[in-house]
Each structure stands twice: as C-alpha cells, then as structure tokens.
Amino acid sequence: MLIHTRIEQKLLDAFDPVVLEVTNESHMHNVPAGSESHFKVVIVTPQFDGLRLLQRHRAVNAIVAEELAQDIHALALHTYTPGEWYEYYAEKPPASPKCLGGEKKVPV
C-alpha cells in the first residue's frame, strides 16, 4: 500500500475529519522521481476543539508514528477545527514553502 494511502486511511479512521487532504509533495524536493517522503496534511475535525496547536500535531503524529519512523522525511501539518477552517482557510488553504534543496541554508 502506498504511504500516501496509509496516512490517509489512518487519519480518516482516527479523526473522522470534515476535511482531509494528504498531498505527496516529494516532487517539489530533491528526491528520486516517484518518492513518497514529503507530505502535507490539511485536516479539519471537531476533535481538535479545545486543543492547542502542539496538542493537535502530537495527536496526528501519534497516528502516523510508524510512517514517520520509517518512510517520511517531512510532514507539514495544518490542523484546524471546523470553525477555524470555515472562517479563515476554506477559501485559500495554506501553501507549502519552496524546497531549499536539502543542504541549502536559510539566508539570515
């Protein structure tokens, strides 16, 4: 089973999200074609009500811990309650930053 599919299924089962977008962004990075190493997850669920951002991220990371330990190099998480999503993000979901090419440093 593809890593993308495993992540998606685990998050669907655990959170019953209103919105779930799992995007393989590996093609945007310096990795071989067909890689599954860089993902963006946008997840909207009432289960995040009352949780701080760090708590939400920990909850998602716990569900995909096996994939994080073995396969995933980068996981960008965008975690929202339904209220936050529909008020601020539904019209324009967050964009991913450009890849710095692994060894390149962020200019200071």
PDB file of N, CA and C in Angstrom:
ATOM      1  N   MET A   1       0.848  -1.182   0.000  1.00  0.00           N
ATOM      2  CA  MET A   1       0.000   0.000   0.000  1.00  0.00           C
ATOM      3  C   MET A   1       0.893   1.246   0.000  1.00  0.00           C
ATOM      4  N   LEU A   2       0.514   2.221  -0.782  1.00  0.00           N
ATOM      5  CA  LEU A   2       1.259   3.474  -0.846  1.00  0.00           C
ATOM      6  C   LEU A   2       1.250   4.179   0.510  1.00  0.00           C
ATOM      7  N   ILE A   3       2.341   4.860   0.812  1.00  0.00           N
ATOM      8  CA  ILE A   3       2.438   5.608   2.067  1.00  0.00           C
ATOM      9  C   ILE A   3       1.320   6.641   2.141  1.00  0.00           C
ATOM     10  N   HIS A   4       1.087   7.340   1.041  1.00  0.00           N
ATOM     11  CA  HIS A   4       0.014   8.335   0.972  1.00  0.00           C
ATOM     12  C   HIS A   4      -1.316   7.719   1.407  1.00  0.00           C
ATOM     13  N   THR A   5      -1.625   6.547   0.890  1.00  0.00           N
ATOM     14  CA  THR A   5      -2.887   5.866   1.198  1.00  0.00           C
ATOM     15  C   THR A   5      -2.939   5.443   2.658  1.00  0.00           C
ATOM     16  N   ARG A   6      -1.830   4.950   3.188  1.00  0.00           N
ATOM     17  CA  ARG A   6      -1.794   4.539   4.600  1.00  0.00           C
ATOM     18  C   ARG A   6      -2.048   5.728   5.513  1.00  0.00           C
ATOM     19  N   ILE A   7      -1.384   6.848   5.235  1.00  0.00           N
ATOM     20  CA  ILE A   7      -1.575   8.054   6.048  1.00  0.00           C
ATOM     21  C   ILE A   7      -3.037   8.479   6.007  1.00  0.00           C
ATOM     22  N   GLU A   8      -3.574   8.556   4.812  1.00  0.00           N
ATOM     23  CA  GLU A   8      -4.960   8.991   4.636  1.00  0.00           C
ATOM     24  C   GLU A   8      -5.928   8.086   5.397  1.00  0.00           C
ATOM     25  N   GLN A   9      -5.770   6.776   5.269  1.00  0.00           N
ATOM     26  CA  GLN A   9      -6.688   5.849   5.926  1.00  0.00           C
ATOM     27  C   GLN A   9      -6.589   5.931   7.440  1.00  0.00           C
ATOM     28  N   LYS A  10      -5.375   6.019   7.959  1.00  0.00           N
ATOM     29  CA  LYS A  10      -5.196   6.119   9.409  1.00  0.00           C
ATOM     30  C   LYS A  10      -5.838   7.387   9.965  1.00  0.00           C
ATOM     31  N   LEU A  11      -5.670   8.505   9.267  1.00  0.00           N
ATOM     32  CA  LEU A  11      -6.250   9.766   9.739  1.00  0.00           C
ATOM     33  C   LEU A  11      -7.768   9.753   9.632  1.00  0.00           C
ATOM     34  N   LEU A  12      -8.297   9.159   8.574  1.00  0.00           N
ATOM     35  CA  LEU A  12      -9.755   9.024   8.444  1.00  0.00           C
ATOM     36  C   LEU A  12     -10.319   8.203   9.597  1.00  0.00           C
ATOM     37  N   ASP A  13      -9.685   7.090   9.893  1.00  0.00           N
ATOM     38  CA  ASP A  13     -10.165   6.209  10.959  1.00  0.00           C
ATOM     39  C   ASP A  13     -10.070   6.865  12.333  1.00  0.00           C
ATOM     40  N   ALA A  14      -8.993   7.595  12.582  1.00  0.00           N
ATOM     41  CA  ALA A  14      -8.750   8.157  13.909  1.00  0.00           C
ATOM     42  C   ALA A  14      -9.541   9.423  14.196  1.00  0.00           C
ATOM     43  N   PHE A  15      -9.738  10.263  13.179  1.00  0.00           N
ATOM     44  CA  PHE A  15     -10.284  11.595  13.428  1.00  0.00           C
ATOM     45  C   PHE A  15     -11.645  11.859  12.806  1.00  0.00           C
ATOM     46  N   ASP A  16     -12.108  11.010  11.905  1.00  0.00           N
ATOM     47  CA  ASP A  16     -13.370  11.244  11.203  1.00  0.00           C
ATOM     48  C   ASP A  16     -13.462  12.713  10.755  1.00  0.00           C
ATOM     49  N   PRO A  17     -12.484  13.165   9.965  1.00  0.00           N
ATOM     50  CA  PRO A  17     -12.393  14.590   9.638  1.00  0.00           C
ATOM     51  C   PRO A  17     -13.487  15.094   8.708  1.00  0.00           C
ATOM     52  N   VAL A  18     -13.767  16.379   8.834  1.00  0.00           N
ATOM     53  CA  VAL A  18     -14.678  17.084   7.935  1.00  0.00           C
ATOM     54  C   VAL A  18     -13.960  17.346   6.614  1.00  0.00           C
ATOM     55  N   VAL A  19     -12.674  17.678   6.704  1.00  0.00           N
ATOM     56  CA  VAL A  19     -11.812  17.897   5.539  1.00  0.00           C
ATOM     57  C   VAL A  19     -10.517  17.136   5.797  1.00  0.00           C
ATOM     58  N   LEU A  20     -10.055  16.409   4.787  1.00  0.00           N
ATOM     59  CA  LEU A  20      -8.751  15.758   4.863  1.00  0.00           C
ATOM     60  C   LEU A  20      -8.105  15.807   3.492  1.00  0.00           C
ATOM     61  N   GLU A  21      -6.954  16.431   3.435  1.00  0.00           N
ATOM     62  CA  GLU A  21      -6.160  16.480   2.207  1.00  0.00           C
ATOM     63  C   GLU A  21      -4.754  16.005   2.553  1.00  0.00           C
ATOM     64  N   VAL A  22      -4.358  14.897   1.978  1.00  0.00           N
ATOM     65  CA  VAL A  22      -2.998  14.390   2.137  1.00  0.00           C
ATOM     66  C   VAL A  22      -2.333  14.534   0.782  1.00  0.00           C
ATOM     67  N   THR A  23      -1.304  15.364   0.710  1.00  0.00           N
ATOM     68  CA  THR A  23      -0.646  15.666  -0.557  1.00  0.00           C
ATOM     69  C   THR A  23       0.807  15.215  -0.512  1.00  0.00           C
ATOM     70  N   ASN A  24       1.182  14.399  -1.480  1.00  0.00           N
ATOM     71  CA  ASN A  24       2.580  13.997  -1.620  1.00  0.00           C
ATOM     72  C   ASN A  24       3.311  15.134  -2.328  1.00  0.00           C
ATOM     73  N   GLU A  25       4.182  15.811  -1.600  1.00  0.00           N
ATOM     74  CA  GLU A  25       4.929  16.942  -2.151  1.00  0.00           C
ATOM     75  C   GLU A  25       6.380  16.575  -2.455  1.00  0.00           C
ATOM     76  N   SER A  26       6.656  15.302  -2.543  1.00  0.00           N
ATOM     77  CA  SER A  26       8.027  14.850  -2.782  1.00  0.00           C
ATOM     78  C   SER A  26       8.588  15.388  -4.089  1.00  0.00           C
ATOM     79  N   HIS A  27       7.731  15.526  -5.090  1.00  0.00           N
ATOM     80  CA  HIS A  27       8.180  16.026  -6.395  1.00  0.00           C
ATOM     81  C   HIS A  27       8.739  17.451  -6.316  1.00  0.00           C
ATOM     82  N   MET A  28       8.430  18.165  -5.237  1.00  0.00           N
ATOM     83  CA  MET A  28       8.908  19.535  -5.060  1.00  0.00           C
ATOM     84  C   MET A  28      10.300  19.573  -4.415  1.00  0.00           C
ATOM     85  N   HIS A  29      10.858  18.401  -4.161  1.00  0.00           N
ATOM     86  CA  HIS A  29      12.121  18.309  -3.432  1.00  0.00           C
ATOM     87  C   HIS A  29      13.148  17.526  -4.235  1.00  0.00           C
ATOM     88  N   ASN A  30      14.362  17.547  -3.764  1.00  0.00           N
ATOM     89  CA  ASN A  30      15.472  16.899  -4.450  1.00  0.00           C
ATOM     90  C   ASN A  30      15.525  15.415  -4.074  1.00  0.00           C
ATOM     91  N   VAL A  31      14.535  14.667  -4.567  1.00  0.00           N
ATOM     92  CA  VAL A  31      14.446  13.230  -4.307  1.00  0.00           C
ATOM     93  C   VAL A  31      14.162  12.521  -5.628  1.00  0.00           C
ATOM     94  N   PRO A  32      14.404  11.218  -5.698  1.00  0.00           N
ATOM     95  CA  PRO A  32      14.125  10.490  -6.940  1.00  0.00           C
ATOM     96  C   PRO A  32      12.644  10.555  -7.324  1.00  0.00           C
ATOM     97  N   ALA A  33      12.389  10.498  -8.614  1.00  0.00           N
ATOM     98  CA  ALA A  33      11.007  10.503  -9.116  1.00  0.00           C
ATOM     99  C   ALA A  33      10.235   9.348  -8.488  1.00  0.00           C
ATOM    100  N   GLY A  34       8.980   9.608  -8.153  1.00  0.00           N
ATOM    101  CA  GLY A  34       8.120   8.588  -7.560  1.00  0.00           C
ATOM    102  C   GLY A  34       8.285   8.420  -6.062  1.00  0.00           C
ATOM    103  N   SER A  35       9.106   9.242  -5.438  1.00  0.00           N
ATOM    104  CA  SER A  35       9.335   9.139  -3.993  1.00  0.00           C
ATOM    105  C   SER A  35       8.082   9.505  -3.208  1.00  0.00           C
ATOM    106  N   GLU A  36       7.992   8.955  -2.013  1.00  0.00           N
ATOM    107  CA  GLU A  36       6.942   9.309  -1.059  1.00  0.00           C
ATOM    108  C   GLU A  36       7.631   9.638   0.264  1.00  0.00           C
ATOM    109  N   SER A  37       8.177  10.827   0.344  1.00  0.00           N
ATOM    110  CA  SER A  37       8.956  11.201   1.522  1.00  0.00           C
ATOM    111  C   SER A  37       8.542  12.533   2.136  1.00  0.00           C
ATOM    112  N   HIS A  38       7.869  13.380   1.377  1.00  0.00           N
ATOM    113  CA  HIS A  38       7.460  14.709   1.840  1.00  0.00           C
ATOM    114  C   HIS A  38       5.948  14.845   1.651  1.00  0.00           C
ATOM    115  N   PHE A  39       5.235  15.091   2.748  1.00  0.00           N
ATOM    116  CA  PHE A  39       3.781  15.181   2.676  1.00  0.00           C
ATOM    117  C   PHE A  39       3.265  16.439   3.362  1.00  0.00           C
ATOM    118  N   LYS A  40       2.132  16.904   2.865  1.00  0.00           N
ATOM    119  CA  LYS A  40       1.378  17.970   3.523  1.00  0.00           C
ATOM    120  C   LYS A  40       0.023  17.388   3.890  1.00  0.00           C
ATOM    121  N   VAL A  41      -0.395  17.629   5.122  1.00  0.00           N
ATOM    122  CA  VAL A  41      -1.700  17.175   5.596  1.00  0.00           C
ATOM    123  C   VAL A  41      -2.498  18.386   6.046  1.00  0.00           C
ATOM    124  N   VAL A  42      -3.670  18.540   5.468  1.00  0.00           N
ATOM    125  CA  VAL A  42      -4.654  19.514   5.943  1.00  0.00           C
ATOM    126  C   VAL A  42      -5.783  18.688   6.526  1.00  0.00           C
ATOM    127  N   ILE A  43      -6.033  18.848   7.816  1.00  0.00           N
ATOM    128  CA  ILE A  43      -7.071  18.068   8.480  1.00  0.00           C
ATOM    129  C   ILE A  43      -7.936  18.981   9.338  1.00  0.00           C
ATOM    130  N   VAL A  44      -9.237  18.817   9.183  1.00  0.00           N
ATOM    131  CA  VAL A  44     -10.226  19.617   9.910  1.00  0.00           C
ATOM    132  C   VAL A  44     -11.143  18.641  10.632  1.00  0.00           C
ATOM    133  N   THR A  45     -11.192  18.740  11.950  1.00  0.00           N
ATOM    134  CA  THR A  45     -12.023  17.828  12.729  1.00  0.00           C
ATOM    135  C   THR A  45     -12.489  18.489  14.022  1.00  0.00           C
ATOM    136  N   PRO A  46     -13.701  18.176  14.458  1.00  0.00           N
ATOM    137  CA  PRO A  46     -14.169  18.684  15.745  1.00  0.00           C
ATOM    138  C   PRO A  46     -13.336  18.160  16.917  1.00  0.00           C
ATOM    139  N   GLN A  47     -12.604  17.075  16.704  1.00  0.00           N
ATOM    140  CA  GLN A  47     -11.764  16.532  17.773  1.00  0.00           C
ATOM    141  C   GLN A  47     -10.656  17.498  18.190  1.00  0.00           C
ATOM    142  N   PHE A  48     -10.383  18.496  17.365  1.00  0.00           N
ATOM    143  CA  PHE A  48      -9.358  19.487  17.708  1.00  0.00           C
ATOM    144  C   PHE A  48      -9.914  20.639  18.548  1.00  0.00           C
ATOM    145  N   ASP A  49     -11.221  20.687  18.746  1.00  0.00           N
ATOM    146  CA  ASP A  49     -11.810  21.735  19.589  1.00  0.00           C
ATOM    147  C   ASP A  49     -11.174  21.692  20.973  1.00  0.00           C
ATOM    148  N   GLY A  50     -10.706  22.836  21.446  1.00  0.00           N
ATOM    149  CA  GLY A  50     -10.119  22.935  22.775  1.00  0.00           C
ATOM    150  C   GLY A  50      -8.665  22.504  22.864  1.00  0.00           C
ATOM    151  N   LEU A  51      -8.088  22.036  21.757  1.00  0.00           N
ATOM    152  CA  LEU A  51      -6.682  21.626  21.763  1.00  0.00           C
ATOM    153  C   LEU A  51      -5.800  22.726  21.190  1.00  0.00           C
ATOM    154  N   ARG A  52      -4.641  22.898  21.782  1.00  0.00           N
ATOM    155  CA  ARG A  52      -3.655  23.830  21.238  1.00  0.00           C
ATOM    156  C   ARG A  52      -2.994  23.195  20.023  1.00  0.00           C
ATOM    157  N   LEU A  53      -2.328  24.035  19.237  1.00  0.00           N
ATOM    158  CA  LEU A  53      -1.690  23.567  18.010  1.00  0.00           C
ATOM    159  C   LEU A  53      -0.741  22.393  18.274  1.00  0.00           C
ATOM    160  N   LEU A  54       0.091  22.501  19.292  1.00  0.00           N
ATOM    161  CA  LEU A  54       1.042  21.436  19.596  1.00  0.00           C
ATOM    162  C   LEU A  54       0.320  20.134  19.941  1.00  0.00           C
ATOM    163  N   GLN A  55      -0.778  20.220  20.669  1.00  0.00           N
ATOM    164  CA  GLN A  55      -1.551  19.025  21.009  1.00  0.00           C
ATOM    165  C   GLN A  55      -2.147  18.379  19.758  1.00  0.00           C
ATOM    166  N   ARG A  56      -2.594  19.190  18.832  1.00  0.00           N
ATOM    167  CA  ARG A  56      -3.149  18.673  17.580  1.00  0.00           C
ATOM    168  C   ARG A  56      -2.070  17.947  16.790  1.00  0.00           C
ATOM    169  N   HIS A  57      -0.909  18.583  16.679  1.00  0.00           N
ATOM    170  CA  HIS A  57       0.191  17.982  15.924  1.00  0.00           C
ATOM    171  C   HIS A  57       0.646  16.681  16.571  1.00  0.00           C
ATOM    172  N   ARG A  58       0.717  16.661  17.888  1.00  0.00           N
ATOM    173  CA  ARG A  58       1.099  15.428  18.586  1.00  0.00           C
ATOM    174  C   ARG A  58       0.084  14.321  18.323  1.00  0.00           C
ATOM    175  N   ALA A  59      -1.188  14.673  18.292  1.00  0.00           N
ATOM    176  CA  ALA A  59      -2.232  13.675  18.035  1.00  0.00           C
ATOM    177  C   ALA A  59      -2.081  13.074  16.642  1.00  0.00           C
ATOM    178  N   VAL A  60      -1.835  13.918  15.650  1.00  0.00           N
ATOM    179  CA  VAL A  60      -1.645  13.430  14.279  1.00  0.00           C
ATOM    180  C   VAL A  60      -0.361  12.608  14.193  1.00  0.00           C
ATOM    181  N   ASN A  61       0.719  13.116  14.764  1.00  0.00           N
ATOM    182  CA  ASN A  61       1.991  12.395  14.728  1.00  0.00           C
ATOM    183  C   ASN A  61       1.883  11.017  15.374  1.00  0.00           C
ATOM    184  N   ALA A  62       1.101  10.903  16.437  1.00  0.00           N
ATOM    185  CA  ALA A  62       0.927   9.609  17.099  1.00  0.00           C
ATOM    186  C   ALA A  62       0.252   8.600  16.172  1.00  0.00           C
ATOM    187  N   ILE A  63      -0.679   9.062  15.371  1.00  0.00           N
ATOM    188  CA  ILE A  63      -1.407   8.170  14.462  1.00  0.00           C
ATOM    189  C   ILE A  63      -0.502   7.683  13.335  1.00  0.00           C
ATOM    190  N   VAL A  64       0.387   8.520  12.858  1.00  0.00           N
ATOM    191  CA  VAL A  64       1.268   8.138  11.739  1.00  0.00           C
ATOM    192  C   VAL A  64       2.705   7.895  12.218  1.00  0.00           C
ATOM    193  N   ALA A  65       2.862   7.505  13.474  1.00  0.00           N
ATOM    194  CA  ALA A  65       4.193   7.307  14.058  1.00  0.00           C
ATOM    195  C   ALA A  65       5.020   6.288  13.284  1.00  0.00           C
ATOM    196  N   GLU A  66       4.399   5.214  12.843  1.00  0.00           N
ATOM    197  CA  GLU A  66       5.125   4.177  12.103  1.00  0.00           C
ATOM    198  C   GLU A  66       5.700   4.742  10.801  1.00  0.00           C
ATOM    199  N   GLU A  67       4.902   5.492  10.088  1.00  0.00           N
ATOM    200  CA  GLU A  67       5.357   6.092   8.829  1.00  0.00           C
ATOM    201  C   GLU A  67       6.441   7.138   9.076  1.00  0.00           C
ATOM    202  N   LEU A  68       6.292   7.911  10.139  1.00  0.00           N
ATOM    203  CA  LEU A  68       7.308   8.917  10.473  1.00  0.00           C
ATOM    204  C   LEU A  68       8.646   8.257  10.813  1.00  0.00           C
ATOM    205  N   ALA A  69       8.590   7.124  11.484  1.00  0.00           N
ATOM    206  CA  ALA A  69       9.812   6.437  11.890  1.00  0.00           C
ATOM    207  C   ALA A  69      10.519   5.760  10.723  1.00  0.00           C
ATOM    208  N   GLN A  70       9.760   5.365   9.703  1.00  0.00           N
ATOM    209  CA  GLN A  70      10.346   4.559   8.639  1.00  0.00           C
ATOM    210  C   GLN A  70      10.479   5.277   7.301  1.00  0.00           C
ATOM    211  N   ASP A  71       9.448   5.981   6.887  1.00  0.00           N
ATOM    212  CA  ASP A  71       9.351   6.395   5.494  1.00  0.00           C
ATOM    213  C   ASP A  71       9.369   7.899   5.248  1.00  0.00           C
ATOM    214  N   ILE A  72       8.819   8.669   6.156  1.00  0.00           N
ATOM    215  CA  ILE A  72       8.571  10.084   5.898  1.00  0.00           C
ATOM    216  C   ILE A  72       9.752  10.933   6.343  1.00  0.00           C
ATOM    217  N   HIS A  73      10.209  11.789   5.448  1.00  0.00           N
ATOM    218  CA  HIS A  73      11.279  12.733   5.767  1.00  0.00           C
ATOM    219  C   HIS A  73      10.701  14.041   6.309  1.00  0.00           C
ATOM    220  N   ALA A  74       9.565  14.480   5.752  1.00  0.00           N
ATOM    221  CA  ALA A  74       8.956  15.748   6.161  1.00  0.00           C
ATOM    222  C   ALA A  74       7.440  15.628   6.129  1.00  0.00           C
ATOM    223  N   LEU A  75       6.802  16.150   7.176  1.00  0.00           N
ATOM    224  CA  LEU A  75       5.345  16.132   7.267  1.00  0.00           C
ATOM    225  C   LEU A  75       4.885  17.518   7.706  1.00  0.00           C
ATOM    226  N   ALA A  76       4.285  18.260   6.788  1.00  0.00           N
ATOM    227  CA  ALA A  76       3.747  19.587   7.094  1.00  0.00           C
ATOM    228  C   ALA A  76       2.304  19.416   7.541  1.00  0.00           C
ATOM    229  N   LEU A  77       2.002  19.848   8.754  1.00  0.00           N
ATOM    230  CA  LEU A  77       0.661  19.678   9.310  1.00  0.00           C
ATOM    231  C   LEU A  77      -0.072  21.005   9.389  1.00  0.00           C
ATOM    232  N   HIS A  78      -1.303  20.988   8.917  1.00  0.00           N
ATOM    233  CA  HIS A  78      -2.215  22.125   9.009  1.00  0.00           C
ATOM    234  C   HIS A  78      -3.474  21.569   9.654  1.00  0.00           C
ATOM    235  N   THR A  79      -3.643  21.839  10.949  1.00  0.00           N
ATOM    236  CA  THR A  79      -4.687  21.210  11.758  1.00  0.00           C
ATOM    237  C   THR A  79      -5.672  22.265  12.245  1.00  0.00           C
ATOM    238  N   TYR A  80      -6.951  22.059  11.947  1.00  0.00           N
ATOM    239  CA  TYR A  80      -7.962  23.073  12.255  1.00  0.00           C
ATOM    240  C   TYR A  80      -9.225  22.456  12.832  1.00  0.00           C
ATOM    241  N   THR A  81      -9.933  23.276  13.598  1.00  0.00           N
ATOM    242  CA  THR A  81     -11.300  22.937  13.972  1.00  0.00           C
ATOM    243  C   THR A  81     -12.194  23.352  12.808  1.00  0.00           C
ATOM    244  N   PRO A  82     -13.409  22.832  12.729  1.00  0.00           N
ATOM    245  CA  PRO A  82     -14.302  23.282  11.652  1.00  0.00           C
ATOM    246  C   PRO A  82     -14.526  24.793  11.672  1.00  0.00           C
ATOM    247  N   GLY A  83     -14.664  25.390  12.846  1.00  0.00           N
ATOM    248  CA  GLY A  83     -14.870  26.834  12.936  1.00  0.00           C
ATOM    249  C   GLY A  83     -13.707  27.620  12.365  1.00  0.00           C
ATOM    250  N   GLU A  84     -12.486  27.220  12.699  1.00  0.00           N
ATOM    251  CA  GLU A  84     -11.295  27.887  12.167  1.00  0.00           C
ATOM    252  C   GLU A  84     -11.224  27.743  10.653  1.00  0.00           C
ATOM    253  N   TRP A  85     -11.484  26.550  10.182  1.00  0.00           N
ATOM    254  CA  TRP A  85     -11.387  26.270   8.746  1.00  0.00           C
ATOM    255  C   TRP A  85     -12.357  27.135   7.951  1.00  0.00           C
ATOM    256  N   TYR A  86     -13.611  27.105   8.330  1.00  0.00           N
ATOM    257  CA  TYR A  86     -14.617  27.822   7.546  1.00  0.00           C
ATOM    258  C   TYR A  86     -14.500  29.336   7.689  1.00  0.00           C
ATOM    259  N   GLU A  87     -13.946  29.802   8.811  1.00  0.00           N
ATOM    260  CA  GLU A  87     -13.792  31.246   8.990  1.00  0.00           C
ATOM    261  C   GLU A  87     -12.554  31.797   8.282  1.00  0.00           C
ATOM    262  N   TYR A  88     -11.464  31.028   8.279  1.00  0.00           N
ATOM    263  CA  TYR A  88     -10.199  31.590   7.803  1.00  0.00           C
ATOM    264  C   TYR A  88      -9.568  30.910   6.590  1.00  0.00           C
ATOM    265  N   TYR A  89      -9.757  29.610   6.410  1.00  0.00           N
ATOM    266  CA  TYR A  89      -8.916  28.882   5.462  1.00  0.00           C
ATOM    267  C   TYR A  89      -9.633  28.203   4.306  1.00  0.00           C
ATOM    268  N   ALA A  90     -10.918  28.002   4.381  1.00  0.00           N
ATOM    269  CA  ALA A  90     -11.623  27.223   3.357  1.00  0.00           C
ATOM    270  C   ALA A  90     -11.436  27.796   1.959  1.00  0.00           C
ATOM    271  N   GLU A  91     -11.404  29.110   1.847  1.00  0.00           N
ATOM    272  CA  GLU A  91     -11.252  29.745   0.534  1.00  0.00           C
ATOM    273  C   GLU A  91      -9.824  29.660   0.003  1.00  0.00           C
ATOM    274  N   LYS A  92      -8.841  29.644   0.917  1.00  0.00           N
ATOM    275  CA  LYS A  92      -7.439  29.620   0.490  1.00  0.00           C
ATOM    276  C   LYS A  92      -6.622  28.775   1.466  1.00  0.00           C
ATOM    277  N   PRO A  93      -6.539  27.481   1.204  1.00  0.00           N
ATOM    278  CA  PRO A  93      -5.736  26.623   2.079  1.00  0.00           C
ATOM    279  C   PRO A  93      -4.271  27.049   2.068  1.00  0.00           C
ATOM    280  N   PRO A  94      -3.542  26.731   3.125  1.00  0.00           N
ATOM    281  CA  PRO A  94      -2.143  27.151   3.225  1.00  0.00           C
ATOM    282  C   PRO A  94      -1.276  26.522   2.137  1.00  0.00           C
ATOM    283  N   ALA A  95      -0.374  27.314   1.595  1.00  0.00           N
ATOM    284  CA  ALA A  95       0.561  26.834   0.569  1.00  0.00           C
ATOM    285  C   ALA A  95       1.831  26.336   1.243  1.00  0.00           C
ATOM    286  N   SER A  96       2.505  25.442   0.583  1.00  0.00           N
ATOM    287  CA  SER A  96       3.768  24.924   1.108  1.00  0.00           C
ATOM    288  C   SER A  96       4.919  25.819   0.674  1.00  0.00           C
ATOM    289  N   PRO A  97       5.938  25.936   1.532  1.00  0.00           N
ATOM    290  CA  PRO A  97       7.108  26.732   1.151  1.00  0.00           C
ATOM    291  C   PRO A  97       7.917  26.010   0.081  1.00  0.00           C
ATOM    292  N   LYS A  98       8.750  26.754  -0.602  1.00  0.00           N
ATOM    293  CA  LYS A  98       9.625  26.158  -1.611  1.00  0.00           C
ATOM    294  C   LYS A  98      10.727  25.361  -0.918  1.00  0.00           C
ATOM    295  N   CYS A  99      11.153  24.315  -1.582  1.00  0.00           N
ATOM    296  CA  CYS A  99      12.231  23.481  -1.068  1.00  0.00           C
ATOM    297  C   CYS A  99      13.551  24.243  -1.124  1.00  0.00           C
ATOM    298  N   LEU A 100      14.364  24.076  -0.074  1.00  0.00           N
ATOM    299  CA  LEU A 100      15.678  24.706  -0.046  1.00  0.00           C
ATOM    300  C   LEU A 100      16.762  23.756  -0.535  1.00  0.00           C
ATOM    301  N   GLY A 101      16.374  22.588  -1.017  1.00  0.00           N
ATOM    302  CA  GLY A 101      17.333  21.683  -1.631  1.00  0.00           C
ATOM    303  C   GLY A 101      18.158  20.851  -0.682  1.00  0.00           C
ATOM    304  N   GLY A 102      17.665  20.600   0.500  1.00  0.00           N
ATOM    305  CA  GLY A 102      18.357  19.711   1.420  1.00  0.00           C
ATOM    306  C   GLY A 102      19.537  20.346   2.121  1.00  0.00           C
ATOM    307  N   GLU A 103      20.600  20.639   1.403  1.00  0.00           N
ATOM    308  CA  GLU A 103      21.827  21.142   2.017  1.00  0.00           C
ATOM    309  C   GLU A 103      21.866  22.657   2.090  1.00  0.00           C
ATOM    310  N   LYS A 104      20.974  23.314   1.392  1.00  0.00           N
ATOM    311  CA  LYS A 104      20.998  24.779   1.372  1.00  0.00           C
ATOM    312  C   LYS A 104      20.488  25.331   2.693  1.00  0.00           C
ATOM    313  N   LYS A 105      21.031  26.433   3.080  1.00  0.00           N
ATOM    314  CA  LYS A 105      20.665  27.074   4.338  1.00  0.00           C
ATOM    315  C   LYS A 105      19.714  28.235   4.078  1.00  0.00           C
ATOM    316  N   VAL A 106      18.898  28.510   5.077  1.00  0.00           N
ATOM    317  CA  VAL A 106      18.008  29.664   5.011  1.00  0.00           C
ATOM    318  C   VAL A 106      18.862  30.909   5.169  1.00  0.00           C
ATOM    319  N   PRO A 107      18.722  31.905   4.266  1.00  0.00           N
ATOM    320  CA  PRO A 107      19.513  33.134   4.396  1.00  0.00           C
ATOM    321  C   PRO A 107      19.173  33.865   5.688  1.00  0.00           C
ATOM    322  N   VAL A 108      20.189  34.427   6.309  1.00  0.00           N
ATOM    323  CA  VAL A 108      19.970  35.185   7.552  1.00  0.00           C
ATOM    324  C   VAL A 108      20.221  36.651   7.349  1.00  0.00           C
TER     325      VAL A 108
END
